[in-house]
């Protein structure tokens, strides 16, 4: 990639990032109420995306075939328990990921 292509690529990425960050503030002003469907999407999309990521991550896992699937099931169990106790998605995801990585690297 030439220097010109690199500069153009970086410029397009910066423009795309700025557009996605600033566009909602330009479309939805403070003076008007946010439309109900946007509020609905804001309420349901985080959980839907999280569910989609779980399905995507486990799509090729053969559950309980030898030691395969067991680290994933244990990590999911820890993740659910952490989420029930702490009600914090960041702690839940980090805890589940750490448990999974420790199981894969040290145990299985």
Protein backbone atom coordinates (compact mmCIF):
# COMPACT_ATOMS: atom_id res chain seq x y z
CA UNK A 1 0.00 0.00 0.00
CA UNK A 2 1.44 3.35 -0.99
CA UNK A 3 1.63 6.35 1.32
CA UNK A 4 -1.24 8.03 -0.54
CA UNK A 5 -3.43 4.95 -0.14
CA UNK A 6 -2.61 4.78 3.56
CA UNK A 7 -3.53 8.44 4.05
CA UNK A 8 -6.81 7.98 2.15
CA UNK A 9 -7.62 4.83 4.16
CA UNK A 10 -6.97 6.58 7.47
CA UNK A 11 -9.03 9.58 6.33
CA UNK A 12 -12.00 7.40 5.37
CA UNK A 13 -11.82 5.53 8.70
CA UNK A 14 -11.69 8.81 10.65
CA UNK A 15 -14.61 10.20 8.62
CA UNK A 16 -16.66 7.03 9.18
CA UNK A 17 -15.95 7.04 12.90
CA UNK A 18 -16.82 10.72 13.27
CA UNK A 19 -20.00 10.27 11.23
CA UNK A 20 -21.24 7.41 13.41
CA UNK A 21 -20.42 9.35 16.57
CA UNK A 22 -21.92 12.71 15.60
CA UNK A 23 -24.86 11.69 13.38
CA UNK A 24 -27.24 10.75 16.24
CA UNK A 25 -26.74 14.20 17.79
CA UNK A 26 -27.50 15.84 14.46
CA UNK A 27 -30.58 13.72 13.75
CA UNK A 28 -32.11 13.77 17.25
CA UNK A 29 -32.07 17.24 18.78
CA UNK A 30 -32.51 18.00 22.47
CA UNK A 31 -35.69 19.93 21.78
CA UNK A 32 -37.69 16.99 20.42
CA UNK A 33 -38.41 13.72 22.17
CA UNK A 34 -36.57 10.68 20.84
CA UNK A 35 -38.92 8.49 18.77
CA UNK A 36 -40.40 5.49 20.56
CA UNK A 37 -38.86 2.94 18.17
CA UNK A 38 -35.37 4.35 18.82
CA UNK A 39 -35.98 4.09 22.58
CA UNK A 40 -37.20 0.52 22.06
CA UNK A 41 -34.09 -0.37 20.05
CA UNK A 42 -31.91 1.18 22.73
CA UNK A 43 -33.58 -1.06 25.30
CA UNK A 44 -33.51 -4.38 23.43
CA UNK A 45 -30.44 -4.27 21.18
CA UNK A 46 -27.76 -4.70 23.88
CA UNK A 47 -29.28 -7.98 25.06
CA UNK A 48 -29.90 -9.12 21.48
CA UNK A 49 -26.30 -8.43 20.48
CA UNK A 50 -25.03 -10.22 23.58
CA UNK A 51 -27.20 -13.25 22.77
CA UNK A 52 -26.00 -13.22 19.17
CA UNK A 53 -22.37 -13.19 20.33
CA UNK A 54 -22.99 -16.18 22.60
CA UNK A 55 -24.58 -18.15 19.75
CA UNK A 56 -21.78 -17.14 17.38
CA UNK A 57 -19.06 -18.10 19.86
CA UNK A 58 -20.59 -21.51 20.58
CA UNK A 59 -21.71 -22.38 17.06
CA UNK A 60 -18.97 -24.97 16.42
CA UNK A 61 -18.66 -26.31 19.96
CA UNK A 62 -19.36 -30.00 20.32
CA UNK A 63 -20.83 -30.06 23.81
CA UNK A 64 -19.61 -32.88 26.04
CA UNK A 65 -17.56 -34.72 23.42
CA UNK A 66 -14.48 -35.59 25.46
CA UNK A 67 -13.13 -32.49 27.17
CA UNK A 68 -14.51 -30.27 24.40
CA UNK A 69 -17.40 -28.13 25.48
CA UNK A 70 -16.73 -28.52 29.19
CA UNK A 71 -14.62 -25.32 29.55
CA UNK A 72 -17.27 -23.41 27.64
CA UNK A 73 -20.08 -24.71 29.83
CA UNK A 74 -18.16 -23.93 33.04
CA UNK A 75 -17.33 -20.42 31.79
CA UNK A 76 -20.97 -19.79 30.84
CA UNK A 77 -22.08 -20.99 34.28
CA UNK A 78 -19.59 -18.61 35.96
CA UNK A 79 -20.69 -15.79 33.67
CA UNK A 80 -24.37 -16.29 34.54
CA UNK A 81 -23.65 -16.52 38.28
CA UNK A 82 -21.54 -13.35 38.17
CA UNK A 83 -24.24 -11.53 36.26
CA UNK A 84 -26.96 -12.61 38.71
CA UNK A 85 -24.83 -11.51 41.67
CA UNK A 86 -23.25 -8.29 40.34
CA UNK A 87 -25.69 -7.18 37.58
CA UNK A 88 -22.72 -5.75 35.68
CA UNK A 89 -22.17 -6.95 32.13
CA UNK A 90 -18.49 -5.92 32.07
CA UNK A 91 -17.69 -7.94 35.19
CA UNK A 92 -19.70 -10.89 33.87
CA UNK A 93 -17.99 -10.96 30.48
CA UNK A 94 -14.52 -10.42 31.96
CA UNK A 95 -15.06 -13.09 34.63
CA UNK A 96 -16.37 -15.64 32.14
CA UNK A 97 -13.52 -14.93 29.74
CA UNK A 98 -10.87 -15.22 32.47
CA UNK A 99 -12.32 -18.51 33.73
CA UNK A 100 -12.48 -19.89 30.19
CA UNK A 101 -8.91 -18.91 29.39
CA UNK A 102 -7.61 -20.35 32.65
CA UNK A 103 -9.45 -23.62 32.02
CA UNK A 104 -8.21 -23.91 28.44
CA UNK A 105 -4.61 -22.95 29.25
CA UNK A 106 -4.08 -24.72 32.57
CA UNK A 107 -6.61 -27.54 32.93
CA UNK A 108 -7.86 -28.89 29.61
